[in-house]
PDB file of N, CA and C in Angstrom:
ATOM      1  N   MET A   1     118.958  72.382  94.846  1.00  0.00           N
ATOM      2  CA  MET A   1     119.890  73.143  95.654  1.00  0.00           C
ATOM      3  C   MET A   1     119.185  73.580  96.930  1.00  0.00           C
ATOM      4  N   LYS A   2     119.784  73.269  98.048  1.00  0.00           N
ATOM      5  CA  LYS A   2     119.199  73.597  99.345  1.00  0.00           C
ATOM      6  C   LYS A   2     120.060  74.655 100.024  1.00  0.00           C
ATOM      7  N   LEU A   3     119.385  75.717 100.498  1.00  0.00           N
ATOM      8  CA  LEU A   3     120.111  76.770 101.189  1.00  0.00           C
ATOM      9  C   LEU A   3     120.200  76.468 102.673  1.00  0.00           C
ATOM     10  N   SER A   4     121.350  76.752 103.234  1.00  0.00           N
ATOM     11  CA  SER A   4     121.514  76.584 104.672  1.00  0.00           C
ATOM     12  C   SER A   4     120.851  77.739 105.393  1.00  0.00           C
ATOM     13  N   ARG A   5     120.873  77.677 106.711  1.00  0.00           N
ATOM     14  CA  ARG A   5     120.257  78.744 107.511  1.00  0.00           C
ATOM     15  C   ARG A   5     120.932  80.091 107.231  1.00  0.00           C
ATOM     16  N   LYS A   6     122.254  80.097 107.129  1.00  0.00           N
ATOM     17  CA  LYS A   6     122.952  81.343 106.821  1.00  0.00           C
ATOM     18  C   LYS A   6     122.587  81.853 105.432  1.00  0.00           C
ATOM     19  N   GLY A   7     122.393  80.934 104.496  1.00  0.00           N
ATOM     20  CA  GLY A   7     122.002  81.328 103.148  1.00  0.00           C
ATOM     21  C   GLY A   7     120.649  82.024 103.145  1.00  0.00           C
ATOM     22  N   TRP A   8     119.691  81.489 103.912  1.00  0.00           N
ATOM     23  CA  TRP A   8     118.368  82.128 104.004  1.00  0.00           C
ATOM     24  C   TRP A   8     118.464  83.491 104.668  1.00  0.00           C
ATOM     25  N   GLU A   9     119.273  83.579 105.713  1.00  0.00           N
ATOM     26  CA  GLU A   9     119.442  84.865 106.389  1.00  0.00           C
ATOM     27  C   GLU A   9     120.040  85.904 105.452  1.00  0.00           C
ATOM     28  N   ARG A  10     121.016  85.495 104.689  1.00  0.00           N
ATOM     29  CA  ARG A  10     121.616  86.426 103.735  1.00  0.00           C
ATOM     30  C   ARG A  10     120.627  86.823 102.651  1.00  0.00           C
ATOM     31  N   SER A  11     119.807  85.877 102.227  1.00  0.00           N
ATOM     32  CA  SER A  11     118.798  86.186 101.210  1.00  0.00           C
ATOM     33  C   SER A  11     117.812  87.220 101.728  1.00  0.00           C
ATOM     34  N   TRP A  12     117.350  87.063 102.971  1.00  0.00           N
ATOM     35  CA  TRP A  12     116.416  88.028 103.549  1.00  0.00           C
ATOM     36  C   TRP A  12     117.060  89.393 103.725  1.00  0.00           C
ATOM     37  N   LEU A  13     118.343  89.388 104.148  1.00  0.00           N
ATOM     38  CA  LEU A  13     119.037  90.664 104.299  1.00  0.00           C
ATOM     39  C   LEU A  13     119.179  91.379 102.955  1.00  0.00           C
ATOM     40  N   LEU A  14     119.489  90.630 101.919  1.00  0.00           N
ATOM     41  CA  LEU A  14     119.596  91.231 100.596  1.00  0.00           C
ATOM     42  C   LEU A  14     118.238  91.757 100.141  1.00  0.00           C
ATOM     43  N   LEU A  15     117.184  90.998 100.373  1.00  0.00           N
ATOM     44  CA  LEU A  15     115.837  91.429  99.993  1.00  0.00           C
ATOM     45  C   LEU A  15     115.443  92.700 100.742  1.00  0.00           C
ATOM     46  N   LEU A  16     115.731  92.761 102.042  1.00  0.00           N
ATOM     47  CA  LEU A  16     115.423  93.962 102.815  1.00  0.00           C
ATOM     48  C   LEU A  16     116.237  95.150 102.336  1.00  0.00           C
ATOM     49  N   TYR A  17     117.496  94.921 101.997  1.00  0.00           N
ATOM     50  CA  TYR A  17     118.352  96.013 101.529  1.00  0.00           C
ATOM     51  C   TYR A  17     117.841  96.565 100.192  1.00  0.00           C
ATOM     52  N   VAL A  18     117.503  95.681  99.282  1.00  0.00           N
ATOM     53  CA  VAL A  18     117.017  96.105  97.973  1.00  0.00           C
ATOM     54  C   VAL A  18     115.672  96.804  98.115  1.00  0.00           C
ATOM     55  N   SER A  19     114.763  96.260  98.937  1.00  0.00           N
ATOM     56  CA  SER A  19     113.454  96.889  99.096  1.00  0.00           C
ATOM     57  C   SER A  19     113.581  98.222  99.826  1.00  0.00           C
ATOM     58  N   ASP A  20     114.546  98.342 100.742  1.00  0.00           N
ATOM     59  CA  ASP A  20     114.756  99.611 101.443  1.00  0.00           C
ATOM     60  C   ASP A  20     115.225 100.687 100.466  1.00  0.00           C
ATOM     61  N   ARG A  21     116.115 100.329  99.570  1.00  0.00           N
ATOM     62  CA  ARG A  21     116.582 101.286  98.563  1.00  0.00           C
ATOM     63  C   ARG A  21     115.439 101.665  97.632  1.00  0.00           C
ATOM     64  N   TYR A  22     114.617 100.691  97.250  1.00  0.00           N
ATOM     65  CA  TYR A  22     113.478 100.960  96.378  1.00  0.00           C
ATOM     66  C   TYR A  22     112.467 101.858  97.078  1.00  0.00           C
ATOM     67  N   LEU A  23     112.148 101.527  98.312  1.00  0.00           N
ATOM     68  CA  LEU A  23     111.182 102.336  99.057  1.00  0.00           C
ATOM     69  C   LEU A  23     111.718 103.737  99.313  1.00  0.00           C
ATOM     70  N   GLY A  24     113.003 103.848  99.530  1.00  0.00           N
ATOM     71  CA  GLY A  24     113.598 105.160  99.731  1.00  0.00           C
ATOM     72  C   GLY A  24     113.473 106.056  98.508  1.00  0.00           C
ATOM     73  N   LYS A  25     113.403 105.453  97.334  1.00  0.00           N
ATOM     74  CA  LYS A  25     113.236 106.231  96.104  1.00  0.00           C
ATOM     75  C   LYS A  25     111.774 106.523  95.804  1.00  0.00           C
ATOM     76  N   VAL A  26     110.876 105.641  96.201  1.00  0.00           N
ATOM     77  CA  VAL A  26     109.467 105.736  95.810  1.00  0.00           C
ATOM     78  C   VAL A  26     108.617 106.498  96.822  1.00  0.00           C
ATOM     79  N   ILE A  27     108.871 106.349  98.094  1.00  0.00           N
ATOM     80  CA  ILE A  27     108.003 106.918  99.124  1.00  0.00           C
ATOM     81  C   ILE A  27     107.911 108.441  99.071  1.00  0.00           C
ATOM     82  N   PRO A  28     108.974 109.198  98.832  1.00  0.00           N
ATOM     83  CA  PRO A  28     108.794 110.657  98.777  1.00  0.00           C
ATOM     84  C   PRO A  28     107.801 111.098  97.697  1.00  0.00           C
ATOM     85  N   TYR A  29     107.856 110.485  96.524  1.00  0.00           N
ATOM     86  CA  TYR A  29     106.923 110.842  95.459  1.00  0.00           C
ATOM     87  C   TYR A  29     105.498 110.416  95.807  1.00  0.00           C
ATOM     88  N   THR A  30     105.366 109.264  96.427  1.00  0.00           N
ATOM     89  CA  THR A  30     104.051 108.791  96.843  1.00  0.00           C
ATOM     90  C   THR A  30     103.459 109.706  97.901  1.00  0.00           C
ATOM     91  N   ALA A  31     104.268 110.127  98.851  1.00  0.00           N
ATOM     92  CA  ALA A  31     103.784 111.028  99.900  1.00  0.00           C
ATOM     93  C   ALA A  31     103.359 112.376  99.318  1.00  0.00           C
ATOM     94  N   MET A  32     104.121 112.907  98.372  1.00  0.00           N
ATOM     95  CA  MET A  32     103.749 114.181  97.758  1.00  0.00           C
ATOM     96  C   MET A  32     102.453 114.047  96.968  1.00  0.00           C
ATOM     97  N   GLY A  33     102.293 112.964  96.244  1.00  0.00           N
ATOM     98  CA  GLY A  33     101.042 112.735  95.515  1.00  0.00           C
ATOM     99  C   GLY A  33      99.857 112.627  96.448  1.00  0.00           C
ATOM    100  N   LEU A  34     100.043 111.945  97.556  1.00  0.00           N
ATOM    101  CA  LEU A  34      98.980 111.818  98.544  1.00  0.00           C
ATOM    102  C   LEU A  34      98.635 113.169  99.160  1.00  0.00           C
ATOM    103  N   LEU A  35      99.637 113.986  99.438  1.00  0.00           N
ATOM    104  CA  LEU A  35      99.383 115.324  99.978  1.00  0.00           C
ATOM    105  C   LEU A  35      98.637 116.210  98.976  1.00  0.00           C
ATOM    106  N   ILE A  36      98.966 116.101  97.706  1.00  0.00           N
ATOM    107  CA  ILE A  36      98.276 116.888  96.691  1.00  0.00           C
ATOM    108  C   ILE A  36      96.811 116.506  96.628  1.00  0.00           C
ATOM    109  N   VAL A  37      96.535 115.217  96.606  1.00  0.00           N
ATOM    110  CA  VAL A  37      95.139 114.759  96.572  1.00  0.00           C
ATOM    111  C   VAL A  37      94.405 115.195  97.836  1.00  0.00           C
ATOM    112  N   TYR A  38      95.048 115.078  98.983  1.00  0.00           N
ATOM    113  CA  TYR A  38      94.424 115.467 100.247  1.00  0.00           C
ATOM    114  C   TYR A  38      94.119 116.961 100.285  1.00  0.00           C
ATOM    115  N   CYS A  39      95.041 117.771  99.792  1.00  0.00           N
ATOM    116  CA  CYS A  39      94.846 119.226  99.836  1.00  0.00           C
ATOM    117  C   CYS A  39      93.796 119.709  98.848  1.00  0.00           C
ATOM    118  N   LEU A  40      93.643 119.031  97.743  1.00  0.00           N
ATOM    119  CA  LEU A  40      92.726 119.494  96.704  1.00  0.00           C
ATOM    120  C   LEU A  40      91.368 118.783  96.716  1.00  0.00           C
ATOM    121  N   ARG A  41      91.106 117.954  97.692  1.00  0.00           N
ATOM    122  CA  ARG A  41      89.876 117.172  97.706  1.00  0.00           C
ATOM    123  C   ARG A  41      88.621 118.021  97.865  1.00  0.00           C
ATOM    124  N   ASP A  42      88.701 119.152  98.522  1.00  0.00           N
ATOM    125  CA  ASP A  42      87.520 119.985  98.770  1.00  0.00           C
ATOM    126  C   ASP A  42      87.470 121.240  97.901  1.00  0.00           C
ATOM    127  N   VAL A  43      88.324 121.344  96.913  1.00  0.00           N
ATOM    128  CA  VAL A  43      88.358 122.528  96.064  1.00  0.00           C
ATOM    129  C   VAL A  43      87.209 122.447  95.055  1.00  0.00           C
ATOM    130  N   SER A  44      86.434 123.511  95.002  1.00  0.00           N
ATOM    131  CA  SER A  44      85.324 123.580  94.054  1.00  0.00           C
ATOM    132  C   SER A  44      85.688 124.557  92.946  1.00  0.00           C
ATOM    133  N   VAL A  45      85.597 124.098  91.717  1.00  0.00           N
ATOM    134  CA  VAL A  45      85.927 124.974  90.599  1.00  0.00           C
ATOM    135  C   VAL A  45      84.708 125.740  90.087  1.00  0.00           C
ATOM    136  N   VAL A  46      83.527 125.436  90.626  1.00  0.00           N
ATOM    137  CA  VAL A  46      82.319 126.124  90.177  1.00  0.00           C
ATOM    138  C   VAL A  46      81.798 127.127  91.199  1.00  0.00           C
ATOM    139  N   HIS A  47      82.288 127.093  92.421  1.00  0.00           N
ATOM    140  CA  HIS A  47      81.827 128.019  93.460  1.00  0.00           C
ATOM    141  C   HIS A  47      82.985 128.797  94.052  1.00  0.00           C
ATOM    142  N   GLY A  48      82.697 129.942  94.591  1.00  0.00           N
ATOM    143  CA  GLY A  48      83.683 130.718  95.341  1.00  0.00           C
ATOM    144  C   GLY A  48      84.824 131.220  94.495  1.00  0.00           C
ATOM    145  N   THR A  49      86.018 130.888  94.896  1.00  0.00           N
ATOM    146  CA  THR A  49      87.221 131.411  94.244  1.00  0.00           C
ATOM    147  C   THR A  49      87.661 130.563  93.051  1.00  0.00           C
ATOM    148  N   HIS A  50      86.932 129.516  92.746  1.00  0.00           N
ATOM    149  CA  HIS A  50      87.196 128.640  91.594  1.00  0.00           C
ATOM    150  C   HIS A  50      88.561 127.963  91.650  1.00  0.00           C
ATOM    151  N   GLY A  51      89.107 127.812  92.841  1.00  0.00           N
ATOM    152  CA  GLY A  51      90.389 127.128  92.995  1.00  0.00           C
ATOM    153  C   GLY A  51      91.596 127.956  92.621  1.00  0.00           C
ATOM    154  N   LEU A  52      91.422 129.256  92.424  1.00  0.00           N
ATOM    155  CA  LEU A  52      92.559 130.104  92.044  1.00  0.00           C
ATOM    156  C   LEU A  52      93.640 130.204  93.116  1.00  0.00           C
ATOM    157  N   PRO A  53      93.294 130.392  94.408  1.00  0.00           N
ATOM    158  CA  PRO A  53      94.383 130.450  95.407  1.00  0.00           C
ATOM    159  C   PRO A  53      95.197 129.156  95.460  1.00  0.00           C
ATOM    160  N   GLU A  54      94.516 128.038  95.330  1.00  0.00           N
ATOM    161  CA  GLU A  54      95.217 126.753  95.358  1.00  0.00           C
ATOM    162  C   GLU A  54      96.127 126.609  94.146  1.00  0.00           C
ATOM    163  N   LEU A  55      95.628 126.999  92.986  1.00  0.00           N
ATOM    164  CA  LEU A  55      96.417 126.908  91.765  1.00  0.00           C
ATOM    165  C   LEU A  55      97.638 127.824  91.821  1.00  0.00           C
ATOM    166  N   ILE A  56      97.462 129.040  92.312  1.00  0.00           N
ATOM    167  CA  ILE A  56      98.579 129.984  92.430  1.00  0.00           C
ATOM    168  C   ILE A  56      99.617 129.465  93.425  1.00  0.00           C
ATOM    169  N   ALA A  57      99.148 128.947  94.568  1.00  0.00           N
ATOM    170  CA  ALA A  57     100.076 128.416  95.577  1.00  0.00           C
ATOM    171  C   ALA A  57     100.811 127.186  95.056  1.00  0.00           C
ATOM    172  N   MET A  58     100.115 126.323  94.316  1.00  0.00           N
ATOM    173  CA  MET A  58     100.784 125.143  93.750  1.00  0.00           C
ATOM    174  C   MET A  58     101.844 125.559  92.745  1.00  0.00           C
ATOM    175  N   ALA A  59     101.541 126.554  91.926  1.00  0.00           N
ATOM    176  CA  ALA A  59     102.529 127.036  90.957  1.00  0.00           C
ATOM    177  C   ALA A  59     103.744 127.636  91.679  1.00  0.00           C
ATOM    178  N   ALA A  60     103.499 128.320  92.787  1.00  0.00           N
ATOM    179  CA  ALA A  60     104.606 128.889  93.564  1.00  0.00           C
ATOM    180  C   ALA A  60     105.465 127.780  94.175  1.00  0.00           C
ATOM    181  N   VAL A  61     104.830 126.723  94.657  1.00  0.00           N
ATOM    182  CA  VAL A  61     105.584 125.603  95.232  1.00  0.00           C
ATOM    183  C   VAL A  61     106.449 124.946  94.165  1.00  0.00           C
ATOM    184  N   VAL A  62     105.864 124.664  93.010  1.00  0.00           N
ATOM    185  CA  VAL A  62     106.626 124.023  91.937  1.00  0.00           C
ATOM    186  C   VAL A  62     107.754 124.941  91.459  1.00  0.00           C
ATOM    187  N   GLY A  63     107.435 126.215  91.267  1.00  0.00           N
ATOM    188  CA  GLY A  63     108.456 127.154  90.817  1.00  0.00           C
ATOM    189  C   GLY A  63     109.596 127.319  91.799  1.00  0.00           C
ATOM    190  N   SER A  64     109.270 127.439  93.085  1.00  0.00           N
ATOM    191  CA  SER A  64     110.335 127.608  94.078  1.00  0.00           C
ATOM    192  C   SER A  64     111.150 126.328  94.239  1.00  0.00           C
ATOM    193  N   TYR A  65     110.510 125.168  94.053  1.00  0.00           N
ATOM    194  CA  TYR A  65     111.276 123.921  94.134  1.00  0.00           C
ATOM    195  C   TYR A  65     112.230 123.799  92.939  1.00  0.00           C
ATOM    196  N   LEU A  66     111.752 124.138  91.754  1.00  0.00           N
ATOM    197  CA  LEU A  66     112.622 124.076  90.582  1.00  0.00           C
ATOM    198  C   LEU A  66     113.753 125.099  90.671  1.00  0.00           C
ATOM    199  N   TRP A  67     113.484 126.197  91.354  1.00  0.00           N
ATOM    200  CA  TRP A  67     114.476 127.253  91.485  1.00  0.00           C
ATOM    201  C   TRP A  67     115.551 126.892  92.501  1.00  0.00           C
ATOM    202  N   ARG A  68     115.123 126.394  93.705  1.00  0.00           N
ATOM    203  CA  ARG A  68     116.066 126.167  94.797  1.00  0.00           C
ATOM    204  C   ARG A  68     116.319 124.697  95.135  1.00  0.00           C
ATOM    205  N   ARG A  69     115.464 123.779  94.675  1.00  0.00           N
ATOM    206  CA  ARG A  69     115.574 122.344  95.007  1.00  0.00           C
ATOM    207  C   ARG A  69     115.547 122.101  96.515  1.00  0.00           C
ATOM    208  N   ASN A  70     114.680 122.842  97.203  1.00  0.00           N
ATOM    209  CA  ASN A  70     114.551 122.720  98.653  1.00  0.00           C
ATOM    210  C   ASN A  70     113.072 122.503  98.982  1.00  0.00           C
ATOM    211  N   SER A  71     112.721 121.298  99.394  1.00  0.00           N
ATOM    212  CA  SER A  71     111.319 120.949  99.624  1.00  0.00           C
ATOM    213  C   SER A  71     110.703 121.753 100.758  1.00  0.00           C
ATOM    214  N   ILE A  72     111.411 121.884 101.851  1.00  0.00           N
ATOM    215  CA  ILE A  72     110.870 122.591 103.015  1.00  0.00           C
ATOM    216  C   ILE A  72     110.601 124.051 102.675  1.00  0.00           C
ATOM    217  N   LEU A  73     111.549 124.685 102.019  1.00  0.00           N
ATOM    218  CA  LEU A  73     111.368 126.083 101.611  1.00  0.00           C
ATOM    219  C   LEU A  73     110.169 126.223 100.673  1.00  0.00           C
ATOM    220  N   SER A  74     110.012 125.295  99.757  1.00  0.00           N
ATOM    221  CA  SER A  74     108.897 125.343  98.813  1.00  0.00           C
ATOM    222  C   SER A  74     107.560 125.217  99.517  1.00  0.00           C
ATOM    223  N   VAL A  75     107.464 124.318 100.467  1.00  0.00           N
ATOM    224  CA  VAL A  75     106.219 124.142 101.210  1.00  0.00           C
ATOM    225  C   VAL A  75     105.904 125.383 102.036  1.00  0.00           C
ATOM    226  N   ILE A  76     106.917 125.966 102.654  1.00  0.00           N
ATOM    227  CA  ILE A  76     106.701 127.185 103.453  1.00  0.00           C
ATOM    228  C   ILE A  76     106.246 128.334 102.557  1.00  0.00           C
ATOM    229  N   ILE A  77     106.888 128.509 101.412  1.00  0.00           N
ATOM    230  CA  ILE A  77     106.489 129.573 100.483  1.00  0.00           C
ATOM    231  C   ILE A  77     105.055 129.370 100.014  1.00  0.00           C
ATOM    232  N   GLY A  78     104.708 128.143  99.655  1.00  0.00           N
ATOM    233  CA  GLY A  78     103.350 127.867  99.201  1.00  0.00           C
ATOM    234  C   GLY A  78     102.311 128.091 100.283  1.00  0.00           C
ATOM    235  N   THR A  79     102.626 127.706 101.497  1.00  0.00           N
ATOM    236  CA  THR A  79     101.689 127.882 102.608  1.00  0.00           C
ATOM    237  C   THR A  79     101.477 129.363 102.918  1.00  0.00           C
ATOM    238  N   VAL A  80     102.571 130.109 102.992  1.00  0.00           N
ATOM    239  CA  VAL A  80     102.460 131.548 103.288  1.00  0.00           C
ATOM    240  C   VAL A  80     101.695 132.263 102.173  1.00  0.00           C
ATOM    241  N   LEU A  81     101.995 131.941 100.932  1.00  0.00           N
ATOM    242  CA  LEU A  81     101.294 132.568  99.819  1.00  0.00           C
ATOM    243  C   LEU A  81      99.811 132.216  99.825  1.00  0.00           C
ATOM    244  N   TYR A  82      99.489 130.955 100.075  1.00  0.00           N
ATOM    245  CA  TYR A  82      98.092 130.529 100.115  1.00  0.00           C
ATOM    246  C   TYR A  82      97.329 131.252 101.228  1.00  0.00           C
ATOM    247  N   MET A  83      97.911 131.325 102.401  1.00  0.00           N
ATOM    248  CA  MET A  83      97.239 132.008 103.511  1.00  0.00           C
ATOM    249  C   MET A  83      97.080 133.499 103.226  1.00  0.00           C
ATOM    250  N   PHE A  84      98.084 134.119 102.613  1.00  0.00           N
ATOM    251  CA  PHE A  84      97.966 135.526 102.230  1.00  0.00           C
ATOM    252  C   PHE A  84      96.833 135.710 101.225  1.00  0.00           C
ATOM    253  N   LEU A  85      96.780 134.855 100.218  1.00  0.00           N
ATOM    254  CA  LEU A  85      95.729 134.970  99.214  1.00  0.00           C
ATOM    255  C   LEU A  85      94.337 134.781  99.823  1.00  0.00           C
ATOM    256  N   MET A  86      94.189 133.823 100.721  1.00  0.00           N
ATOM    257  CA  MET A  86      92.880 133.551 101.322  1.00  0.00           C
ATOM    258  C   MET A  86      92.451 134.667 102.267  1.00  0.00           C
ATOM    259  N   GLN A  87      93.406 135.255 102.992  1.00  0.00           N
ATOM    260  CA  GLN A  87      93.060 136.279 103.974  1.00  0.00           C
ATOM    261  C   GLN A  87      92.935 137.679 103.372  1.00  0.00           C
ATOM    262  N   MET A  88      93.766 138.005 102.407  1.00  0.00           N
ATOM    263  CA  MET A  88      93.824 139.373 101.921  1.00  0.00           C
ATOM    264  C   MET A  88      93.196 139.576 100.536  1.00  0.00           C
ATOM    265  N   VAL A  89      93.280 138.606  99.665  1.00  0.00           N
ATOM    266  CA  VAL A  89      92.853 138.815  98.291  1.00  0.00           C
ATOM    267  C   VAL A  89      91.476 138.243  98.015  1.00  0.00           C
ATOM    268  N   PHE A  90      91.281 136.974  98.324  1.00  0.00           N
ATOM    269  CA  PHE A  90      90.009 136.323  97.972  1.00  0.00           C
ATOM    270  C   PHE A  90      89.030 136.340  99.105  1.00  0.00           C
TER     271      PHE A  90
END
């Protein structure tokens, strides 16, 4: 079976459409995982604050996301809490 030029074009369009839907579902989780690794790469559990501000801020982000289902609000809450903990508490 030989596909004509239009058949190949339609095949590529279908492939792009399917991969776009797949990437649209996968990329947000991949980006969040990458951000978590990037943010926690320099945390030392044996020196200083032992990673407590980071752990508290991460718990606040997860809790606020589960509560409101709003990513931007969760990130803002976690950032403000982390900065407060670093400046005032630890």
